[in-house]
């Protein structure tokens, strides 16, 4: 992790709603802080983490879709799902 990232992460770490146990040096703390910042709508102070935040924004949407609850899927009929056939027609 670059030194300038550590400075910006340390500032962001103070603003996230759920305390992060790991130190700023840990890669998992970077992911944790960026995810919390995205979900909470926090703005970045500088430009050092912008590319990482874009990646988190793109990934967070996919994770939310992938982890949708089975209860929400139970309300849908089978006709609402498109499952491509492995056989060609």
PDB file of N, CA and C in Angstrom:
ATOM      1  N   UNK A   1       0.851  -1.171   0.000  1.00  0.00           N
ATOM      2  CA  UNK A   1       0.000   0.000   0.000  1.00  0.00           C
ATOM      3  C   UNK A   1       0.903   1.243   0.000  1.00  0.00           C
ATOM      4  N   UNK A   2       0.538   2.201  -0.801  1.00  0.00           N
ATOM      5  CA  UNK A   2       1.326   3.431  -0.912  1.00  0.00           C
ATOM      6  C   UNK A   2       1.143   4.309   0.333  1.00  0.00           C
ATOM      7  N   UNK A   3       2.178   5.055   0.717  1.00  0.00           N
ATOM      8  CA  UNK A   3       2.082   5.908   1.915  1.00  0.00           C
ATOM      9  C   UNK A   3       0.942   6.934   1.851  1.00  0.00           C
ATOM     10  N   UNK A   4       0.711   7.499   0.672  1.00  0.00           N
ATOM     11  CA  UNK A   4      -0.372   8.489   0.548  1.00  0.00           C
ATOM     12  C   UNK A   4      -1.750   7.853   0.732  1.00  0.00           C
ATOM     13  N   UNK A   5      -1.871   6.563   0.369  1.00  0.00           N
ATOM     14  CA  UNK A   5      -3.123   5.846   0.608  1.00  0.00           C
ATOM     15  C   UNK A   5      -3.376   5.676   2.100  1.00  0.00           C
ATOM     16  N   UNK A   6      -2.312   5.380   2.836  1.00  0.00           N
ATOM     17  CA  UNK A   6      -2.444   5.182   4.280  1.00  0.00           C
ATOM     18  C   UNK A   6      -2.957   6.439   4.972  1.00  0.00           C
ATOM     19  N   UNK A   7      -2.480   7.594   4.533  1.00  0.00           N
ATOM     20  CA  UNK A   7      -2.910   8.859   5.130  1.00  0.00           C
ATOM     21  C   UNK A   7      -4.399   9.078   4.874  1.00  0.00           C
ATOM     22  N   UNK A   8      -4.826   8.903   3.634  1.00  0.00           N
ATOM     23  CA  UNK A   8      -6.237   9.109   3.299  1.00  0.00           C
ATOM     24  C   UNK A   8      -7.125   8.057   3.957  1.00  0.00           C
ATOM     25  N   UNK A   9      -6.657   6.810   4.004  1.00  0.00           N
ATOM     26  CA  UNK A   9      -7.430   5.752   4.669  1.00  0.00           C
ATOM     27  C   UNK A   9      -7.578   6.031   6.160  1.00  0.00           C
ATOM     28  N   UNK A  10      -6.519   6.539   6.785  1.00  0.00           N
ATOM     29  CA  UNK A  10      -6.588   6.855   8.215  1.00  0.00           C
ATOM     30  C   UNK A  10      -7.644   7.921   8.485  1.00  0.00           C
ATOM     31  N   UNK A  11      -7.738   8.916   7.610  1.00  0.00           N
ATOM     32  CA  UNK A  11      -8.764   9.962   7.759  1.00  0.00           C
ATOM     33  C   UNK A  11     -10.159   9.381   7.556  1.00  0.00           C
ATOM     34  N   UNK A  12     -10.295   8.523   6.570  1.00  0.00           N
ATOM     35  CA  UNK A  12     -11.589   7.909   6.272  1.00  0.00           C
ATOM     36  C   UNK A  12     -11.992   6.927   7.378  1.00  0.00           C
ATOM     37  N   UNK A  13     -11.004   6.262   7.950  1.00  0.00           N
ATOM     38  CA  UNK A  13     -11.241   5.302   9.024  1.00  0.00           C
ATOM     39  C   UNK A  13     -11.937   5.944  10.220  1.00  0.00           C
ATOM     40  N   UNK A  14     -11.648   7.196  10.465  1.00  0.00           N
ATOM     41  CA  UNK A  14     -12.262   7.922  11.581  1.00  0.00           C
ATOM     42  C   UNK A  14     -13.726   8.264  11.315  1.00  0.00           C
ATOM     43  N   UNK A  15     -14.140   8.213  10.054  1.00  0.00           N
ATOM     44  CA  UNK A  15     -15.494   8.643   9.690  1.00  0.00           C
ATOM     45  C   UNK A  15     -16.467   7.507   9.408  1.00  0.00           C
ATOM     46  N   UNK A  16     -15.968   6.265   9.248  1.00  0.00           N
ATOM     47  CA  UNK A  16     -16.868   5.150   8.932  1.00  0.00           C
ATOM     48  C   UNK A  16     -17.715   4.788  10.150  1.00  0.00           C
ATOM     49  N   UNK A  17     -18.946   4.323   9.914  1.00  0.00           N
ATOM     50  CA  UNK A  17     -19.865   4.065  11.024  1.00  0.00           C
ATOM     51  C   UNK A  17     -19.495   2.872  11.909  1.00  0.00           C
ATOM     52  N   UNK A  18     -18.905   1.838  11.334  1.00  0.00           N
ATOM     53  CA  UNK A  18     -18.558   0.647  12.098  1.00  0.00           C
ATOM     54  C   UNK A  18     -17.035   0.611  12.269  1.00  0.00           C
ATOM     55  N   UNK A  19     -16.562   0.551  13.513  1.00  0.00           N
ATOM     56  CA  UNK A  19     -15.107   0.546  13.738  1.00  0.00           C
ATOM     57  C   UNK A  19     -14.425  -0.622  13.038  1.00  0.00           C
ATOM     58  N   UNK A  20     -13.247  -0.358  12.516  1.00  0.00           N
ATOM     59  CA  UNK A  20     -12.450  -1.367  11.821  1.00  0.00           C
ATOM     60  C   UNK A  20     -11.345  -1.813  12.764  1.00  0.00           C
ATOM     61  N   UNK A  21     -11.241  -3.118  13.001  1.00  0.00           N
ATOM     62  CA  UNK A  21     -10.264  -3.653  13.952  1.00  0.00           C
ATOM     63  C   UNK A  21      -8.843  -3.672  13.397  1.00  0.00           C
ATOM     64  N   UNK A  22      -8.705  -3.930  12.102  1.00  0.00           N
ATOM     65  CA  UNK A  22      -7.387  -4.043  11.488  1.00  0.00           C
ATOM     66  C   UNK A  22      -6.699  -2.670  11.418  1.00  0.00           C
ATOM     67  N   UNK A  23      -5.385  -2.714  11.299  1.00  0.00           N
ATOM     68  CA  UNK A  23      -4.640  -1.464  11.133  1.00  0.00           C
ATOM     69  C   UNK A  23      -4.767  -0.997   9.686  1.00  0.00           C
ATOM     70  N   UNK A  24      -4.385   0.221   9.451  1.00  0.00           N
ATOM     71  CA  UNK A  24      -4.466   0.801   8.107  1.00  0.00           C
ATOM     72  C   UNK A  24      -3.528   0.070   7.146  1.00  0.00           C
ATOM     73  N   UNK A  25      -2.527  -0.612   7.673  1.00  0.00           N
ATOM     74  CA  UNK A  25      -1.555  -1.326   6.832  1.00  0.00           C
ATOM     75  C   UNK A  25      -2.126  -2.601   6.207  1.00  0.00           C
ATOM     76  N   UNK A  26      -3.206  -3.109   6.752  1.00  0.00           N
ATOM     77  CA  UNK A  26      -3.798  -4.354   6.257  1.00  0.00           C
ATOM     78  C   UNK A  26      -4.662  -4.096   5.023  1.00  0.00           C
ATOM     79  N   UNK A  27      -4.504  -4.921   3.970  1.00  0.00           N
ATOM     80  CA  UNK A  27      -5.349  -4.763   2.773  1.00  0.00           C
ATOM     81  C   UNK A  27      -6.840  -4.930   3.079  1.00  0.00           C
ATOM     82  N   UNK A  28      -7.179  -5.795   4.039  1.00  0.00           N
ATOM     83  CA  UNK A  28      -8.586  -5.998   4.377  1.00  0.00           C
ATOM     84  C   UNK A  28      -9.213  -4.750   4.983  1.00  0.00           C
ATOM     85  N   UNK A  29      -8.410  -3.966   5.691  1.00  0.00           N
ATOM     86  CA  UNK A  29      -8.956  -2.726   6.267  1.00  0.00           C
ATOM     87  C   UNK A  29      -9.270  -1.724   5.157  1.00  0.00           C
ATOM     88  N   UNK A  30      -8.453  -1.721   4.110  1.00  0.00           N
ATOM     89  CA  UNK A  30      -8.701  -0.820   2.980  1.00  0.00           C
ATOM     90  C   UNK A  30     -10.041  -1.154   2.327  1.00  0.00           C
ATOM     91  N   UNK A  31     -10.281  -2.434   2.093  1.00  0.00           N
ATOM     92  CA  UNK A  31     -11.535  -2.868   1.481  1.00  0.00           C
ATOM     93  C   UNK A  31     -12.704  -2.548   2.403  1.00  0.00           C
ATOM     94  N   UNK A  32     -12.547  -2.856   3.683  1.00  0.00           N
ATOM     95  CA  UNK A  32     -13.592  -2.613   4.668  1.00  0.00           C
ATOM     96  C   UNK A  32     -13.967  -1.131   4.720  1.00  0.00           C
ATOM     97  N   UNK A  33     -12.965  -0.279   4.802  1.00  0.00           N
ATOM     98  CA  UNK A  33     -13.204   1.162   4.889  1.00  0.00           C
ATOM     99  C   UNK A  33     -13.856   1.685   3.615  1.00  0.00           C
ATOM    100  N   UNK A  34     -13.381   1.249   2.457  1.00  0.00           N
ATOM    101  CA  UNK A  34     -13.958   1.725   1.194  1.00  0.00           C
ATOM    102  C   UNK A  34     -15.399   1.247   1.017  1.00  0.00           C
ATOM    103  N   UNK A  35     -15.686   0.008   1.399  1.00  0.00           N
ATOM    104  CA  UNK A  35     -17.072  -0.485   1.316  1.00  0.00           C
ATOM    105  C   UNK A  35     -17.991   0.306   2.243  1.00  0.00           C
ATOM    106  N   UNK A  36     -17.538   0.540   3.468  1.00  0.00           N
ATOM    107  CA  UNK A  36     -18.350   1.316   4.403  1.00  0.00           C
ATOM    108  C   UNK A  36     -18.554   2.744   3.899  1.00  0.00           C
ATOM    109  N   UNK A  37     -17.502   3.319   3.351  1.00  0.00           N
ATOM    110  CA  UNK A  37     -17.609   4.685   2.827  1.00  0.00           C
ATOM    111  C   UNK A  37     -18.609   4.740   1.680  1.00  0.00           C
ATOM    112  N   UNK A  38     -18.571   3.751   0.796  1.00  0.00           N
ATOM    113  CA  UNK A  38     -19.504   3.707  -0.329  1.00  0.00           C
ATOM    114  C   UNK A  38     -20.944   3.549   0.153  1.00  0.00           C
ATOM    115  N   UNK A  39     -21.165   2.581   1.027  1.00  0.00           N
ATOM    116  CA  UNK A  39     -22.517   2.316   1.515  1.00  0.00           C
ATOM    117  C   UNK A  39     -23.072   3.501   2.297  1.00  0.00           C
ATOM    118  N   UNK A  40     -22.199   4.157   3.066  1.00  0.00           N
ATOM    119  CA  UNK A  40     -22.622   5.286   3.896  1.00  0.00           C
ATOM    120  C   UNK A  40     -22.700   6.603   3.123  1.00  0.00           C
ATOM    121  N   UNK A  41     -22.206   6.599   1.896  1.00  0.00           N
ATOM    122  CA  UNK A  41     -22.237   7.813   1.093  1.00  0.00           C
ATOM    123  C   UNK A  41     -21.183   8.831   1.491  1.00  0.00           C
ATOM    124  N   UNK A  42     -20.100   8.372   2.121  1.00  0.00           N
ATOM    125  CA  UNK A  42     -19.024   9.290   2.493  1.00  0.00           C
ATOM    126  C   UNK A  42     -18.235   9.681   1.259  1.00  0.00           C
ATOM    127  N   UNK A  43     -17.766  10.891   1.240  1.00  0.00           N
ATOM    128  CA  UNK A  43     -16.957  11.383   0.122  1.00  0.00           C
ATOM    129  C   UNK A  43     -15.485  11.260   0.481  1.00  0.00           C
ATOM    130  N   UNK A  44     -14.672  10.986  -0.523  1.00  0.00           N
ATOM    131  CA  UNK A  44     -13.229  10.912  -0.313  1.00  0.00           C
ATOM    132  C   UNK A  44     -12.661  12.318  -0.215  1.00  0.00           C
ATOM    133  N   UNK A  45     -11.656  12.491   0.644  1.00  0.00           N
ATOM    134  CA  UNK A  45     -11.029  13.805   0.805  1.00  0.00           C
ATOM    135  C   UNK A  45     -10.089  14.137  -0.348  1.00  0.00           C
ATOM    136  N   UNK A  46      -9.400  13.139  -0.854  1.00  0.00           N
ATOM    137  CA  UNK A  46      -8.421  13.372  -1.916  1.00  0.00           C
ATOM    138  C   UNK A  46      -8.693  12.487  -3.109  1.00  0.00           C
ATOM    139  N   UNK A  47      -7.681  12.421  -3.981  1.00  0.00           N
ATOM    140  CA  UNK A  47      -7.834  11.667  -5.220  1.00  0.00           C
ATOM    141  C   UNK A  47      -7.077  10.346  -5.220  1.00  0.00           C
ATOM    142  N   UNK A  48      -6.388  10.042  -4.120  1.00  0.00           N
ATOM    143  CA  UNK A  48      -5.531   8.863  -4.055  1.00  0.00           C
ATOM    144  C   UNK A  48      -6.322   7.569  -4.180  1.00  0.00           C
ATOM    145  N   UNK A  49      -7.494   7.517  -3.585  1.00  0.00           N
ATOM    146  CA  UNK A  49      -8.287   6.281  -3.551  1.00  0.00           C
ATOM    147  C   UNK A  49      -9.448   6.256  -4.546  1.00  0.00           C
ATOM    148  N   UNK A  50      -9.486   7.202  -5.453  1.00  0.00           N
ATOM    149  CA  UNK A  50     -10.614   7.293  -6.391  1.00  0.00           C
ATOM    150  C   UNK A  50     -10.740   6.037  -7.255  1.00  0.00           C
ATOM    151  N   UNK A  51      -9.636   5.547  -7.805  1.00  0.00           N
ATOM    152  CA  UNK A  51      -9.697   4.345  -8.656  1.00  0.00           C
ATOM    153  C   UNK A  51     -10.166   3.144  -7.847  1.00  0.00           C
ATOM    154  N   UNK A  52      -9.694   3.037  -6.618  1.00  0.00           N
ATOM    155  CA  UNK A  52     -10.125   1.934  -5.757  1.00  0.00           C
ATOM    156  C   UNK A  52     -11.606   2.051  -5.426  1.00  0.00           C
ATOM    157  N   UNK A  53     -12.077   3.271  -5.216  1.00  0.00           N
ATOM    158  CA  UNK A  53     -13.491   3.474  -4.898  1.00  0.00           C
ATOM    159  C   UNK A  53     -14.372   3.128  -6.101  1.00  0.00           C
ATOM    160  N   UNK A  54     -13.924   3.417  -7.291  1.00  0.00           N
ATOM    161  CA  UNK A  54     -14.679   3.051  -8.500  1.00  0.00           C
ATOM    162  C   UNK A  54     -14.813   1.531  -8.573  1.00  0.00           C
ATOM    163  N   UNK A  55     -13.731   0.826  -8.291  1.00  0.00           N
ATOM    164  CA  UNK A  55     -13.778  -0.635  -8.289  1.00  0.00           C
ATOM    165  C   UNK A  55     -14.764  -1.138  -7.234  1.00  0.00           C
ATOM    166  N   UNK A  56     -14.739  -0.547  -6.050  1.00  0.00           N
ATOM    167  CA  UNK A  56     -15.655  -0.946  -4.974  1.00  0.00           C
ATOM    168  C   UNK A  56     -17.098  -0.676  -5.386  1.00  0.00           C
ATOM    169  N   UNK A  57     -17.359   0.466  -6.013  1.00  0.00           N
ATOM    170  CA  UNK A  57     -18.715   0.801  -6.450  1.00  0.00           C
ATOM    171  C   UNK A  57     -19.229  -0.223  -7.452  1.00  0.00           C
ATOM    172  N   UNK A  58     -18.386  -0.608  -8.390  1.00  0.00           N
ATOM    173  CA  UNK A  58     -18.793  -1.589  -9.390  1.00  0.00           C
ATOM    174  C   UNK A  58     -18.994  -2.969  -8.769  1.00  0.00           C
ATOM    175  N   UNK A  59     -18.140  -3.348  -7.869  1.00  0.00           N
ATOM    176  CA  UNK A  59     -18.224  -4.664  -7.236  1.00  0.00           C
ATOM    177  C   UNK A  59     -19.372  -4.744  -6.239  1.00  0.00           C
ATOM    178  N   UNK A  60     -19.655  -3.669  -5.543  1.00  0.00           N
ATOM    179  CA  UNK A  60     -20.714  -3.670  -4.528  1.00  0.00           C
ATOM    180  C   UNK A  60     -22.069  -3.986  -5.164  1.00  0.00           C
ATOM    181  N   UNK A  61     -22.321  -3.478  -6.331  1.00  0.00           N
ATOM    182  CA  UNK A  61     -23.574  -3.761  -7.033  1.00  0.00           C
ATOM    183  C   UNK A  61     -23.706  -5.229  -7.377  1.00  0.00           C
ATOM    184  N   UNK A  62     -22.628  -5.815  -7.860  1.00  0.00           N
ATOM    185  CA  UNK A  62     -22.656  -7.246  -8.198  1.00  0.00           C
ATOM    186  C   UNK A  62     -22.843  -8.094  -6.948  1.00  0.00           C
ATOM    187  N   UNK A  63     -22.180  -7.718  -5.869  1.00  0.00           N
ATOM    188  CA  UNK A  63     -22.328  -8.471  -4.618  1.00  0.00           C
ATOM    189  C   UNK A  63     -23.752  -8.391  -4.102  1.00  0.00           C
ATOM    190  N   UNK A  64     -24.353  -7.229  -4.192  1.00  0.00           N
ATOM    191  CA  UNK A  64     -25.731  -7.073  -3.718  1.00  0.00           C
ATOM    192  C   UNK A  64     -26.683  -7.943  -4.535  1.00  0.00           C
ATOM    193  N   UNK A  65     -26.492  -7.994  -5.845  1.00  0.00           N
ATOM    194  CA  UNK A  65     -27.348  -8.836  -6.684  1.00  0.00           C
ATOM    195  C   UNK A  65     -27.108 -10.317  -6.417  1.00  0.00           C
ATOM    196  N   UNK A  66     -25.854 -10.674  -6.261  1.00  0.00           N
ATOM    197  CA  UNK A  66     -25.510 -12.079  -6.042  1.00  0.00           C
ATOM    198  C   UNK A  66     -26.026 -12.568  -4.699  1.00  0.00           C
ATOM    199  N   UNK A  67     -25.989 -11.714  -3.707  1.00  0.00           N
ATOM    200  CA  UNK A  67     -26.374 -12.112  -2.351  1.00  0.00           C
ATOM    201  C   UNK A  67     -27.815 -11.773  -2.009  1.00  0.00           C
ATOM    202  N   UNK A  68     -28.658 -11.602  -3.021  1.00  0.00           N
ATOM    203  CA  UNK A  68     -30.050 -11.283  -2.711  1.00  0.00           C
ATOM    204  C   UNK A  68     -30.680 -12.445  -1.951  1.00  0.00           C
ATOM    205  N   UNK A  69     -31.565 -12.114  -1.062  1.00  0.00           N
ATOM    206  CA  UNK A  69     -32.104 -13.128  -0.154  1.00  0.00           C
ATOM    207  C   UNK A  69     -33.049 -14.086  -0.863  1.00  0.00           C
ATOM    208  N   UNK A  70     -33.066 -15.342  -0.432  1.00  0.00           N
ATOM    209  CA  UNK A  70     -33.991 -16.328  -1.017  1.00  0.00           C
ATOM    210  C   UNK A  70     -35.455 -15.926  -0.801  1.00  0.00           C
ATOM    211  N   UNK A  71     -35.731 -15.212   0.271  1.00  0.00           N
ATOM    212  CA  UNK A  71     -37.110 -14.787   0.532  1.00  0.00           C
ATOM    213  C   UNK A  71     -37.609 -13.865  -0.572  1.00  0.00           C
ATOM    214  N   UNK A  72     -36.753 -13.003  -1.081  1.00  0.00           N
ATOM    215  CA  UNK A  72     -37.191 -12.095  -2.145  1.00  0.00           C
ATOM    216  C   UNK A  72     -37.379 -12.850  -3.452  1.00  0.00           C
ATOM    217  N   UNK A  73     -36.641 -13.928  -3.652  1.00  0.00           N
ATOM    218  CA  UNK A  73     -36.792 -14.736  -4.854  1.00  0.00           C
ATOM    219  C   UNK A  73     -38.021 -15.634  -4.785  1.00  0.00           C
ATOM    220  N   UNK A  74     -38.488 -15.956  -3.599  1.00  0.00           N
ATOM    221  CA  UNK A  74     -39.640 -16.845  -3.444  1.00  0.00           C
ATOM    222  C   UNK A  74     -40.922 -16.206  -3.968  1.00  0.00           C
ATOM    223  N   UNK A  75     -40.962 -14.872  -4.011  1.00  0.00           N
ATOM    224  CA  UNK A  75     -42.149 -14.165  -4.497  1.00  0.00           C
ATOM    225  C   UNK A  75     -42.275 -14.188  -6.020  1.00  0.00           C
ATOM    226  N   UNK A  76     -41.195 -14.575  -6.696  1.00  0.00           N
ATOM    227  CA  UNK A  76     -41.205 -14.563  -8.158  1.00  0.00           C
ATOM    228  C   UNK A  76     -41.630 -15.916  -8.693  1.00  0.00           C
ATOM    229  N   UNK A  77     -42.314 -15.873  -9.817  1.00  0.00           N
ATOM    230  CA  UNK A  77     -42.648 -17.136 -10.471  1.00  0.00           C
ATOM    231  C   UNK A  77     -41.471 -17.616 -11.299  1.00  0.00           C
ATOM    232  N   UNK A  78     -41.482 -18.899 -11.660  1.00  0.00           N
ATOM    233  CA  UNK A  78     -40.399 -19.455 -12.474  1.00  0.00           C
ATOM    234  C   UNK A  78     -40.325 -18.782 -13.840  1.00  0.00           C
ATOM    235  N   UNK A  79     -41.475 -18.285 -14.336  1.00  0.00           N
ATOM    236  CA  UNK A  79     -41.482 -17.655 -15.660  1.00  0.00           C
ATOM    237  C   UNK A  79     -40.689 -16.350 -15.685  1.00  0.00           C
ATOM    238  N   UNK A  80     -40.392 -15.804 -14.518  1.00  0.00           N
ATOM    239  CA  UNK A  80     -39.653 -14.544 -14.475  1.00  0.00           C
ATOM    240  C   UNK A  80     -38.147 -14.742 -14.555  1.00  0.00           C
ATOM    241  N   UNK A  81     -37.706 -15.984 -14.532  1.00  0.00           N
ATOM    242  CA  UNK A  81     -36.277 -16.275 -14.626  1.00  0.00           C
ATOM    243  C   UNK A  81     -35.953 -16.784 -16.012  1.00  0.00           C
ATOM    244  N   UNK A  82     -34.863 -16.329 -16.579  1.00  0.00           N
ATOM    245  CA  UNK A  82     -34.397 -16.826 -17.855  1.00  0.00           C
ATOM    246  C   UNK A  82     -33.143 -17.640 -17.601  1.00  0.00           C
ATOM    247  N   UNK A  83     -33.220 -18.926 -17.862  1.00  0.00           N
ATOM    248  CA  UNK A  83     -32.064 -19.794 -17.702  1.00  0.00           C
ATOM    249  C   UNK A  83     -31.715 -20.326 -19.067  1.00  0.00           C
ATOM    250  N   UNK A  84     -30.577 -19.904 -19.618  1.00  0.00           N
ATOM    251  CA  UNK A  84     -30.213 -20.385 -20.966  1.00  0.00           C
ATOM    252  C   UNK A  84     -29.987 -21.884 -20.976  1.00  0.00           C
ATOM    253  N   UNK A  85     -30.441 -22.515 -22.021  1.00  0.00           N
ATOM    254  CA  UNK A  85     -30.281 -23.950 -22.170  1.00  0.00           C
ATOM    255  C   UNK A  85     -28.862 -24.261 -22.619  1.00  0.00           C
ATOM    256  N   UNK A  86     -28.333 -25.371 -22.122  1.00  0.00           N
ATOM    257  CA  UNK A  86     -26.978 -25.770 -22.555  1.00  0.00           C
ATOM    258  C   UNK A  86     -27.031 -26.467 -23.905  1.00  0.00           C
ATOM    259  N   UNK A  87     -28.235 -26.891 -24.347  1.00  0.00           N
ATOM    260  CA  UNK A  87     -28.392 -27.539 -25.653  1.00  0.00           C
ATOM    261  C   UNK A  87     -28.710 -26.488 -26.715  1.00  0.00           C
ATOM    262  N   UNK A  88     -28.182 -26.644 -27.884  1.00  0.00           N
ATOM    263  CA  UNK A  88     -28.530 -25.722 -28.966  1.00  0.00           C
ATOM    264  C   UNK A  88     -29.821 -26.170 -29.624  1.00  0.00           C
ATOM    265  N   UNK A  89     -30.603 -25.227 -30.096  1.00  0.00           N
ATOM    266  CA  UNK A  89     -31.918 -25.542 -30.672  1.00  0.00           C
ATOM    267  C   UNK A  89     -31.848 -25.931 -32.098  1.00  0.00           C
TER     268      UNK A  89
END
